[in-house]
Amino acid sequence: MAFVLAVHPERLAAEGRALQGVGRAVAAELAAVHGPSDAAAAGLCGWRSAAALDRLTGAWSRRLSALAVELDDAGGRLVATAGSYRETDGALARSLGRA
């Protein structure tokens, strides 16, 4: 049984850029998390649940921020990998052209 792996650098780069876009979108939405949560916590002033909601919002915000960074990084690595495939294919084509 033969196994064939095909890589399409253009598609790989496009997916990497899309992943970076998702990372940017997540980062842009971080501020939106705080508005409703802060308003709710302010309405619960004096209640222990207000402090719990603040902690939860902070933890959620930190996790979303880390996720945005991870998505952007993974997307960037996919774009770089696509570039490496293109460079390798080009070098191989040039070397075969000399043979």
PDB file of N, CA and C in Angstrom:
ATOM      1  N   MET A   1       0.845  -1.166   0.000  1.00  0.00           N
ATOM      2  CA  MET A   1       0.000   0.000   0.000  1.00  0.00           C
ATOM      3  C   MET A   1       0.894   1.235   0.000  1.00  0.00           C
ATOM      4  N   ALA A   2       0.686   2.096  -0.959  1.00  0.00           N
ATOM      5  CA  ALA A   2       1.487   3.313  -1.081  1.00  0.00           C
ATOM      6  C   ALA A   2       0.747   4.467  -0.414  1.00  0.00           C
ATOM      7  N   PHE A   3       1.505   5.302   0.231  1.00  0.00           N
ATOM      8  CA  PHE A   3       0.959   6.484   0.883  1.00  0.00           C
ATOM      9  C   PHE A   3       1.534   7.705   0.181  1.00  0.00           C
ATOM     10  N   VAL A   4       0.673   8.580  -0.278  1.00  0.00           N
ATOM     11  CA  VAL A   4       1.115   9.781  -0.974  1.00  0.00           C
ATOM     12  C   VAL A   4       0.670  10.992  -0.175  1.00  0.00           C
ATOM     13  N   LEU A   5       1.605  11.861   0.074  1.00  0.00           N
ATOM     14  CA  LEU A   5       1.319  13.093   0.792  1.00  0.00           C
ATOM     15  C   LEU A   5       1.535  14.249  -0.174  1.00  0.00           C
ATOM     16  N   ALA A   6       0.526  15.053  -0.354  1.00  0.00           N
ATOM     17  CA  ALA A   6       0.633  16.217  -1.231  1.00  0.00           C
ATOM     18  C   ALA A   6       0.434  17.473  -0.402  1.00  0.00           C
ATOM     19  N   VAL A   7       1.293  18.432  -0.604  1.00  0.00           N
ATOM     20  CA  VAL A   7       1.189  19.710   0.086  1.00  0.00           C
ATOM     21  C   VAL A   7       1.009  20.796  -0.968  1.00  0.00           C
ATOM     22  N   HIS A   8       0.035  21.632  -0.750  1.00  0.00           N
ATOM     23  CA  HIS A   8      -0.222  22.754  -1.642  1.00  0.00           C
ATOM     24  C   HIS A   8       0.159  24.029  -0.886  1.00  0.00           C
ATOM     25  N   PRO A   9       1.352  24.573  -1.145  1.00  0.00           N
ATOM     26  CA  PRO A   9       1.817  25.733  -0.383  1.00  0.00           C
ATOM     27  C   PRO A   9       0.852  26.918  -0.391  1.00  0.00           C
ATOM     28  N   GLU A  10       0.177  27.144  -1.514  1.00  0.00           N
ATOM     29  CA  GLU A  10      -0.755  28.279  -1.578  1.00  0.00           C
ATOM     30  C   GLU A  10      -1.903  28.086  -0.587  1.00  0.00           C
ATOM     31  N   ARG A  11      -2.427  26.864  -0.536  1.00  0.00           N
ATOM     32  CA  ARG A  11      -3.523  26.575   0.407  1.00  0.00           C
ATOM     33  C   ARG A  11      -3.029  26.647   1.843  1.00  0.00           C
ATOM     34  N   LEU A  12      -1.843  26.125   2.070  1.00  0.00           N
ATOM     35  CA  LEU A  12      -1.264  26.138   3.411  1.00  0.00           C
ATOM     36  C   LEU A  12      -1.078  27.582   3.894  1.00  0.00           C
ATOM     37  N   ALA A  13      -0.545  28.432   3.015  1.00  0.00           N
ATOM     38  CA  ALA A  13      -0.347  29.838   3.373  1.00  0.00           C
ATOM     39  C   ALA A  13      -1.685  30.534   3.608  1.00  0.00           C
ATOM     40  N   ALA A  14      -2.673  30.221   2.775  1.00  0.00           N
ATOM     41  CA  ALA A  14      -3.996  30.829   2.945  1.00  0.00           C
ATOM     42  C   ALA A  14      -4.616  30.428   4.287  1.00  0.00           C
ATOM     43  N   GLU A  15      -4.467  29.172   4.641  1.00  0.00           N
ATOM     44  CA  GLU A  15      -4.993  28.713   5.934  1.00  0.00           C
ATOM     45  C   GLU A  15      -4.245  29.372   7.085  1.00  0.00           C
ATOM     46  N   GLY A  16      -2.951  29.542   6.925  1.00  0.00           N
ATOM     47  CA  GLY A  16      -2.170  30.224   7.953  1.00  0.00           C
ATOM     48  C   GLY A  16      -2.618  31.661   8.137  1.00  0.00           C
ATOM     49  N   ARG A  17      -2.850  32.356   7.026  1.00  0.00           N
ATOM     50  CA  ARG A  17      -3.331  33.738   7.122  1.00  0.00           C
ATOM     51  C   ARG A  17      -4.724  33.796   7.743  1.00  0.00           C
ATOM     52  N   ALA A  18      -5.566  32.813   7.417  1.00  0.00           N
ATOM     53  CA  ALA A  18      -6.903  32.761   8.012  1.00  0.00           C
ATOM     54  C   ALA A  18      -6.807  32.555   9.522  1.00  0.00           C
ATOM     55  N   LEU A  19      -5.905  31.691   9.939  1.00  0.00           N
ATOM     56  CA  LEU A  19      -5.706  31.445  11.367  1.00  0.00           C
ATOM     57  C   LEU A  19      -5.215  32.707  12.070  1.00  0.00           C
ATOM     58  N   GLN A  20      -4.320  33.431  11.421  1.00  0.00           N
ATOM     59  CA  GLN A  20      -3.861  34.700  11.988  1.00  0.00           C
ATOM     60  C   GLN A  20      -5.024  35.684  12.103  1.00  0.00           C
ATOM     61  N   GLY A  21      -5.911  35.682  11.106  1.00  0.00           N
ATOM     62  CA  GLY A  21      -7.082  36.558  11.158  1.00  0.00           C
ATOM     63  C   GLY A  21      -7.995  36.226  12.323  1.00  0.00           C
ATOM     64  N   VAL A  22      -8.163  34.942  12.590  1.00  0.00           N
ATOM     65  CA  VAL A  22      -8.983  34.531  13.737  1.00  0.00           C
ATOM     66  C   VAL A  22      -8.321  35.000  15.030  1.00  0.00           C
ATOM     67  N   GLY A  23      -7.003  34.868  15.106  1.00  0.00           N
ATOM     68  CA  GLY A  23      -6.292  35.340  16.292  1.00  0.00           C
ATOM     69  C   GLY A  23      -6.486  36.833  16.513  1.00  0.00           C
ATOM     70  N   ARG A  24      -6.415  37.608  15.423  1.00  0.00           N
ATOM     71  CA  ARG A  24      -6.631  39.054  15.541  1.00  0.00           C
ATOM     72  C   ARG A  24      -8.079  39.362  15.949  1.00  0.00           C
ATOM     73  N   ALA A  25      -9.025  38.597  15.411  1.00  0.00           N
ATOM     74  CA  ALA A  25     -10.431  38.813  15.753  1.00  0.00           C
ATOM     75  C   ALA A  25     -10.689  38.506  17.228  1.00  0.00           C
ATOM     76  N   VAL A  26     -10.092  37.439  17.735  1.00  0.00           N
ATOM     77  CA  VAL A  26     -10.244  37.098  19.152  1.00  0.00           C
ATOM     78  C   VAL A  26      -9.662  38.217  20.008  1.00  0.00           C
ATOM     79  N   ALA A  27      -8.479  38.700  19.638  1.00  0.00           N
ATOM     80  CA  ALA A  27      -7.850  39.781  20.401  1.00  0.00           C
ATOM     81  C   ALA A  27      -8.710  41.041  20.380  1.00  0.00           C
ATOM     82  N   ALA A  28      -9.312  41.336  19.243  1.00  0.00           N
ATOM     83  CA  ALA A  28     -10.146  42.532  19.121  1.00  0.00           C
ATOM     84  C   ALA A  28     -11.409  42.433  19.976  1.00  0.00           C
ATOM     85  N   GLU A  29     -11.884  41.235  20.221  1.00  0.00           N
ATOM     86  CA  GLU A  29     -13.108  41.045  20.999  1.00  0.00           C
ATOM     87  C   GLU A  29     -12.873  41.029  22.504  1.00  0.00           C
ATOM     88  N   LEU A  30     -11.620  41.049  22.922  1.00  0.00           N
ATOM     89  CA  LEU A  30     -11.327  40.981  24.360  1.00  0.00           C
ATOM     90  C   LEU A  30     -12.006  42.109  25.134  1.00  0.00           C
ATOM     91  N   ALA A  31     -12.013  43.294  24.581  1.00  0.00           N
ATOM     92  CA  ALA A  31     -12.630  44.420  25.287  1.00  0.00           C
ATOM     93  C   ALA A  31     -14.125  44.193  25.476  1.00  0.00           C
ATOM     94  N   ALA A  32     -14.737  43.499  24.538  1.00  0.00           N
ATOM     95  CA  ALA A  32     -16.178  43.260  24.626  1.00  0.00           C
ATOM     96  C   ALA A  32     -16.545  42.364  25.810  1.00  0.00           C
ATOM     97  N   VAL A  33     -15.610  41.551  26.261  1.00  0.00           N
ATOM     98  CA  VAL A  33     -15.873  40.656  27.387  1.00  0.00           C
ATOM     99  C   VAL A  33     -16.082  41.462  28.667  1.00  0.00           C
ATOM    100  N   HIS A  34     -15.329  42.548  28.789  1.00  0.00           N
ATOM    101  CA  HIS A  34     -15.354  43.294  30.046  1.00  0.00           C
ATOM    102  C   HIS A  34     -16.599  44.158  30.234  1.00  0.00           C
ATOM    103  N   GLY A  35     -17.143  44.710  29.177  1.00  0.00           N
ATOM    104  CA  GLY A  35     -18.278  45.618  29.325  1.00  0.00           C
ATOM    105  C   GLY A  35     -19.444  45.021  30.097  1.00  0.00           C
ATOM    106  N   PRO A  36     -20.056  43.977  29.581  1.00  0.00           N
ATOM    107  CA  PRO A  36     -21.202  43.394  30.294  1.00  0.00           C
ATOM    108  C   PRO A  36     -20.828  42.817  31.662  1.00  0.00           C
ATOM    109  N   SER A  37     -19.654  42.211  31.728  1.00  0.00           N
ATOM    110  CA  SER A  37     -19.240  41.605  32.990  1.00  0.00           C
ATOM    111  C   SER A  37     -18.989  42.674  34.061  1.00  0.00           C
ATOM    112  N   ASP A  38     -18.318  43.753  33.666  1.00  0.00           N
ATOM    113  CA  ASP A  38     -18.061  44.832  34.627  1.00  0.00           C
ATOM    114  C   ASP A  38     -19.364  45.473  35.092  1.00  0.00           C
ATOM    115  N   ALA A  39     -20.307  45.626  34.166  1.00  0.00           N
ATOM    116  CA  ALA A  39     -21.605  46.198  34.533  1.00  0.00           C
ATOM    117  C   ALA A  39     -22.341  45.278  35.510  1.00  0.00           C
ATOM    118  N   ALA A  40     -22.275  43.988  35.242  1.00  0.00           N
ATOM    119  CA  ALA A  40     -22.935  43.033  36.143  1.00  0.00           C
ATOM    120  C   ALA A  40     -22.277  43.042  37.519  1.00  0.00           C
ATOM    121  N   ALA A  41     -20.944  43.082  37.543  1.00  0.00           N
ATOM    122  CA  ALA A  41     -20.233  43.105  38.825  1.00  0.00           C
ATOM    123  C   ALA A  41     -20.564  44.384  39.598  1.00  0.00           C
ATOM    124  N   ALA A  42     -20.681  45.506  38.886  1.00  0.00           N
ATOM    125  CA  ALA A  42     -21.029  46.767  39.549  1.00  0.00           C
ATOM    126  C   ALA A  42     -22.436  46.671  40.151  1.00  0.00           C
ATOM    127  N   GLY A  43     -23.329  45.978  39.484  1.00  0.00           N
ATOM    128  CA  GLY A  43     -24.692  45.798  39.991  1.00  0.00           C
ATOM    129  C   GLY A  43     -24.753  44.876  41.194  1.00  0.00           C
ATOM    130  N   LEU A  44     -23.693  44.100  41.368  1.00  0.00           N
ATOM    131  CA  LEU A  44     -23.641  43.169  42.495  1.00  0.00           C
ATOM    132  C   LEU A  44     -22.752  43.697  43.628  1.00  0.00           C
ATOM    133  N   CYS A  45     -22.483  44.974  43.606  1.00  0.00           N
ATOM    134  CA  CYS A  45     -21.588  45.591  44.591  1.00  0.00           C
ATOM    135  C   CYS A  45     -21.981  45.153  46.011  1.00  0.00           C
ATOM    136  N   GLY A  46     -20.999  44.693  46.753  1.00  0.00           N
ATOM    137  CA  GLY A  46     -21.235  44.239  48.112  1.00  0.00           C
ATOM    138  C   GLY A  46     -21.511  42.742  48.221  1.00  0.00           C
ATOM    139  N   TRP A  47     -21.765  42.115  47.130  1.00  0.00           N
ATOM    140  CA  TRP A  47     -22.017  40.673  47.122  1.00  0.00           C
ATOM    141  C   TRP A  47     -20.720  39.943  46.794  1.00  0.00           C
ATOM    142  N   ARG A  48     -20.540  38.760  47.373  1.00  0.00           N
ATOM    143  CA  ARG A  48     -19.344  37.967  47.057  1.00  0.00           C
ATOM    144  C   ARG A  48     -19.312  37.554  45.590  1.00  0.00           C
ATOM    145  N   SER A  49     -20.468  37.422  44.999  1.00  0.00           N
ATOM    146  CA  SER A  49     -20.516  37.028  43.592  1.00  0.00           C
ATOM    147  C   SER A  49     -19.885  38.092  42.686  1.00  0.00           C
ATOM    148  N   ALA A  50     -19.852  39.358  43.107  1.00  0.00           N
ATOM    149  CA  ALA A  50     -19.218  40.410  42.302  1.00  0.00           C
ATOM    150  C   ALA A  50     -17.716  40.131  42.176  1.00  0.00           C
ATOM    151  N   ALA A  51     -17.083  39.788  43.294  1.00  0.00           N
ATOM    152  CA  ALA A  51     -15.643  39.476  43.264  1.00  0.00           C
ATOM    153  C   ALA A  51     -15.385  38.217  42.447  1.00  0.00           C
ATOM    154  N   ALA A  52     -16.260  37.225  42.590  1.00  0.00           N
ATOM    155  CA  ALA A  52     -16.108  35.991  41.813  1.00  0.00           C
ATOM    156  C   ALA A  52     -16.247  36.280  40.317  1.00  0.00           C
ATOM    157  N   LEU A  53     -17.187  37.125  39.958  1.00  0.00           N
ATOM    158  CA  LEU A  53     -17.384  37.491  38.557  1.00  0.00           C
ATOM    159  C   LEU A  53     -16.172  38.247  38.023  1.00  0.00           C
ATOM    160  N   ASP A  54     -15.591  39.116  38.833  1.00  0.00           N
ATOM    161  CA  ASP A  54     -14.369  39.826  38.427  1.00  0.00           C
ATOM    162  C   ASP A  54     -13.228  38.842  38.172  1.00  0.00           C
ATOM    163  N   ARG A  55     -13.072  37.874  39.069  1.00  0.00           N
ATOM    164  CA  ARG A  55     -12.013  36.874  38.891  1.00  0.00           C
ATOM    165  C   ARG A  55     -12.258  36.032  37.642  1.00  0.00           C
ATOM    166  N   LEU A  56     -13.495  35.636  37.445  1.00  0.00           N
ATOM    167  CA  LEU A  56     -13.853  34.842  36.269  1.00  0.00           C
ATOM    168  C   LEU A  56     -13.578  35.626  34.983  1.00  0.00           C
ATOM    169  N   THR A  57     -13.969  36.886  34.958  1.00  0.00           N
ATOM    170  CA  THR A  57     -13.736  37.728  33.780  1.00  0.00           C
ATOM    171  C   THR A  57     -12.250  37.879  33.522  1.00  0.00           C
ATOM    172  N   GLY A  58     -11.477  38.068  34.571  1.00  0.00           N
ATOM    173  CA  GLY A  58     -10.024  38.184  34.410  1.00  0.00           C
ATOM    174  C   GLY A  58      -9.413  36.911  33.858  1.00  0.00           C
ATOM    175  N   ALA A  59      -9.843  35.773  34.396  1.00  0.00           N
ATOM    176  CA  ALA A  59      -9.317  34.484  33.913  1.00  0.00           C
ATOM    177  C   ALA A  59      -9.715  34.246  32.462  1.00  0.00           C
ATOM    178  N   TRP A  60     -10.948  34.551  32.120  1.00  0.00           N
ATOM    179  CA  TRP A  60     -11.438  34.377  30.751  1.00  0.00           C
ATOM    180  C   TRP A  60     -10.666  35.283  29.798  1.00  0.00           C
ATOM    181  N   SER A  61     -10.446  36.506  30.216  1.00  0.00           N
ATOM    182  CA  SER A  61      -9.716  37.467  29.398  1.00  0.00           C
ATOM    183  C   SER A  61      -8.276  37.015  29.166  1.00  0.00           C
ATOM    184  N   ARG A  62      -7.625  36.534  30.216  1.00  0.00           N
ATOM    185  CA  ARG A  62      -6.244  36.045  30.067  1.00  0.00           C
ATOM    186  C   ARG A  62      -6.182  34.845  29.128  1.00  0.00           C
ATOM    187  N   ARG A  63      -7.155  33.947  29.249  1.00  0.00           N
ATOM    188  CA  ARG A  63      -7.165  32.756  28.385  1.00  0.00           C
ATOM    189  C   ARG A  63      -7.430  33.125  26.928  1.00  0.00           C
ATOM    190  N   LEU A  64      -8.363  34.032  26.709  1.00  0.00           N
ATOM    191  CA  LEU A  64      -8.621  34.479  25.340  1.00  0.00           C
ATOM    192  C   LEU A  64      -7.416  35.188  24.743  1.00  0.00           C
ATOM    193  N   SER A  65      -6.741  35.966  25.568  1.00  0.00           N
ATOM    194  CA  SER A  65      -5.539  36.659  25.103  1.00  0.00           C
ATOM    195  C   SER A  65      -4.459  35.656  24.710  1.00  0.00           C
ATOM    196  N   ALA A  66      -4.270  34.639  25.541  1.00  0.00           N
ATOM    197  CA  ALA A  66      -3.285  33.597  25.227  1.00  0.00           C
ATOM    198  C   ALA A  66      -3.695  32.828  23.972  1.00  0.00           C
ATOM    199  N   LEU A  67      -4.984  32.556  23.819  1.00  0.00           N
ATOM    200  CA  LEU A  67      -5.468  31.860  22.630  1.00  0.00           C
ATOM    201  C   LEU A  67      -5.209  32.693  21.379  1.00  0.00           C
ATOM    202  N   ALA A  68      -5.451  33.993  21.454  1.00  0.00           N
ATOM    203  CA  ALA A  68      -5.205  34.874  20.307  1.00  0.00           C
ATOM    204  C   ALA A  68      -3.735  34.817  19.891  1.00  0.00           C
ATOM    205  N   VAL A  69      -2.843  34.824  20.867  1.00  0.00           N
ATOM    206  CA  VAL A  69      -1.407  34.748  20.578  1.00  0.00           C
ATOM    207  C   VAL A  69      -1.061  33.398  19.952  1.00  0.00           C
ATOM    208  N   GLU A  70      -1.612  32.326  20.505  1.00  0.00           N
ATOM    209  CA  GLU A  70      -1.348  30.978  19.980  1.00  0.00           C
ATOM    210  C   GLU A  70      -1.844  30.820  18.542  1.00  0.00           C
ATOM    211  N   LEU A  71      -3.030  31.338  18.256  1.00  0.00           N
ATOM    212  CA  LEU A  71      -3.579  31.251  16.904  1.00  0.00           C
ATOM    213  C   LEU A  71      -2.724  32.038  15.914  1.00  0.00           C
ATOM    214  N   ASP A  72      -2.332  33.235  16.302  1.00  0.00           N
ATOM    215  CA  ASP A  72      -1.493  34.060  15.433  1.00  0.00           C
ATOM    216  C   ASP A  72      -0.149  33.383  15.191  1.00  0.00           C
ATOM    217  N   ASP A  73       0.425  32.819  16.238  1.00  0.00           N
ATOM    218  CA  ASP A  73       1.712  32.127  16.112  1.00  0.00           C
ATOM    219  C   ASP A  73       1.605  30.899  15.211  1.00  0.00           C
ATOM    220  N   ALA A  74       0.574  30.091  15.425  1.00  0.00           N
ATOM    221  CA  ALA A  74       0.393  28.894  14.598  1.00  0.00           C
ATOM    222  C   ALA A  74       0.165  29.284  13.139  1.00  0.00           C
ATOM    223  N   GLY A  75      -0.616  30.324  12.914  1.00  0.00           N
ATOM    224  CA  GLY A  75      -0.836  30.801  11.549  1.00  0.00           C
ATOM    225  C   GLY A  75       0.447  31.270  10.908  1.00  0.00           C
ATOM    226  N   GLY A  76       1.248  31.993  11.653  1.00  0.00           N
ATOM    227  CA  GLY A  76       2.535  32.452  11.135  1.00  0.00           C
ATOM    228  C   GLY A  76       3.461  31.299  10.792  1.00  0.00           C
ATOM    229  N   ARG A  77       3.437  30.266  11.620  1.00  0.00           N
ATOM    230  CA  ARG A  77       4.270  29.093  11.326  1.00  0.00           C
ATOM    231  C   ARG A  77       3.790  28.360  10.082  1.00  0.00           C
ATOM    232  N   LEU A  78       2.477  28.314   9.859  1.00  0.00           N
ATOM    233  CA  LEU A  78       1.959  27.690   8.640  1.00  0.00           C
ATOM    234  C   LEU A  78       2.386  28.484   7.403  1.00  0.00           C
ATOM    235  N   VAL A  79       2.316  29.804   7.483  1.00  0.00           N
ATOM    236  CA  VAL A  79       2.741  30.647   6.363  1.00  0.00           C
ATOM    237  C   VAL A  79       4.237  30.430   6.096  1.00  0.00           C
ATOM    238  N   ALA A  80       5.037  30.371   7.155  1.00  0.00           N
ATOM    239  CA  ALA A  80       6.476  30.138   6.989  1.00  0.00           C
ATOM    240  C   ALA A  80       6.747  28.759   6.396  1.00  0.00           C
ATOM    241  N   THR A  81       5.998  27.758   6.831  1.00  0.00           N
ATOM    242  CA  THR A  81       6.161  26.407   6.290  1.00  0.00           C
ATOM    243  C   THR A  81       5.829  26.385   4.802  1.00  0.00           C
ATOM    244  N   ALA A  82       4.765  27.084   4.416  1.00  0.00           N
ATOM    245  CA  ALA A  82       4.416  27.164   2.994  1.00  0.00           C
ATOM    246  C   ALA A  82       5.563  27.793   2.205  1.00  0.00           C
ATOM    247  N   GLY A  83       6.171  28.825   2.755  1.00  0.00           N
ATOM    248  CA  GLY A  83       7.323  29.450   2.100  1.00  0.00           C
ATOM    249  C   GLY A  83       8.486  28.492   1.965  1.00  0.00           C
ATOM    250  N   SER A  84       8.705  27.678   2.984  1.00  0.00           N
ATOM    251  CA  SER A  84       9.788  26.687   2.922  1.00  0.00           C
ATOM    252  C   SER A  84       9.521  25.651   1.837  1.00  0.00           C
ATOM    253  N   TYR A  85       8.263  25.227   1.727  1.00  0.00           N
ATOM    254  CA  TYR A  85       7.916  24.285   0.652  1.00  0.00           C
ATOM    255  C   TYR A  85       8.189  24.908  -0.714  1.00  0.00           C
ATOM    256  N   ARG A  86       7.797  26.169  -0.884  1.00  0.00           N
ATOM    257  CA  ARG A  86       8.031  26.843  -2.170  1.00  0.00           C
ATOM    258  C   ARG A  86       9.529  26.927  -2.471  1.00  0.00           C
ATOM    259  N   GLU A  87      10.314  27.318  -1.476  1.00  0.00           N
ATOM    260  CA  GLU A  87      11.763  27.437  -1.664  1.00  0.00           C
ATOM    261  C   GLU A  87      12.384  26.086  -2.012  1.00  0.00           C
ATOM    262  N   THR A  88      11.978  25.049  -1.310  1.00  0.00           N
ATOM    263  CA  THR A  88      12.516  23.710  -1.570  1.00  0.00           C
ATOM    264  C   THR A  88      12.126  23.235  -2.959  1.00  0.00           C
ATOM    265  N   ASP A  89      10.872  23.439  -3.334  1.00  0.00           N
ATOM    266  CA  ASP A  89      10.425  23.049  -4.676  1.00  0.00           C
ATOM    267  C   ASP A  89      11.212  23.798  -5.741  1.00  0.00           C
ATOM    268  N   GLY A  90      11.420  25.086  -5.528  1.00  0.00           N
ATOM    269  CA  GLY A  90      12.179  25.884  -6.495  1.00  0.00           C
ATOM    270  C   GLY A  90      13.616  25.431  -6.609  1.00  0.00           C
ATOM    271  N   ALA A  91      14.237  25.159  -5.468  1.00  0.00           N
ATOM    272  CA  ALA A  91      15.631  24.695  -5.485  1.00  0.00           C
ATOM    273  C   ALA A  91      15.742  23.352  -6.186  1.00  0.00           C
ATOM    274  N   LEU A  92      14.794  22.471  -5.920  1.00  0.00           N
ATOM    275  CA  LEU A  92      14.798  21.168  -6.570  1.00  0.00           C
ATOM    276  C   LEU A  92      14.608  21.302  -8.084  1.00  0.00           C
ATOM    277  N   ALA A  93      13.683  22.153  -8.484  1.00  0.00           N
ATOM    278  CA  ALA A  93      13.444  22.375  -9.913  1.00  0.00           C
ATOM    279  C   ALA A  93      14.697  22.925 -10.600  1.00  0.00           C
ATOM    280  N   ARG A  94      15.371  23.877  -9.917  1.00  0.00           N
ATOM    281  CA  ARG A  94      16.604  24.437 -10.501  1.00  0.00           C
ATOM    282  C   ARG A  94      17.708  23.384 -10.610  1.00  0.00           C
ATOM    283  N   SER A  95      17.821  22.551  -9.592  1.00  0.00           N
ATOM    284  CA  SER A  95      18.884  21.538  -9.616  1.00  0.00           C
ATOM    285  C   SER A  95      18.588  20.477 -10.690  1.00  0.00           C
ATOM    286  N   LEU A  96      17.325  20.145 -10.881  1.00  0.00           N
ATOM    287  CA  LEU A  96      16.978  19.171 -11.931  1.00  0.00           C
ATOM    288  C   LEU A  96      17.168  19.790 -13.318  1.00  0.00           C
ATOM    289  N   GLY A  97      16.985  21.084 -13.409  1.00  0.00           N
ATOM    290  CA  GLY A  97      17.182  21.756 -14.698  1.00  0.00           C
ATOM    291  C   GLY A  97      18.632  21.763 -15.129  1.00  0.00           C
ATOM    292  N   ARG A  98      19.542  21.684 -14.173  1.00  0.00           N
ATOM    293  CA  ARG A  98      20.977  21.656 -14.482  1.00  0.00           C
ATOM    294  C   ARG A  98      21.459  20.260 -14.829  1.00  0.00           C
ATOM    295  N   ALA A  99      20.692  19.259 -14.447  1.00  0.00           N
ATOM    296  CA  ALA A  99      21.124  17.870 -14.661  1.00  0.00           C
ATOM    297  C   ALA A  99      20.977  17.434 -16.096  1.00  0.00           C
TER     298      ALA A  99
END
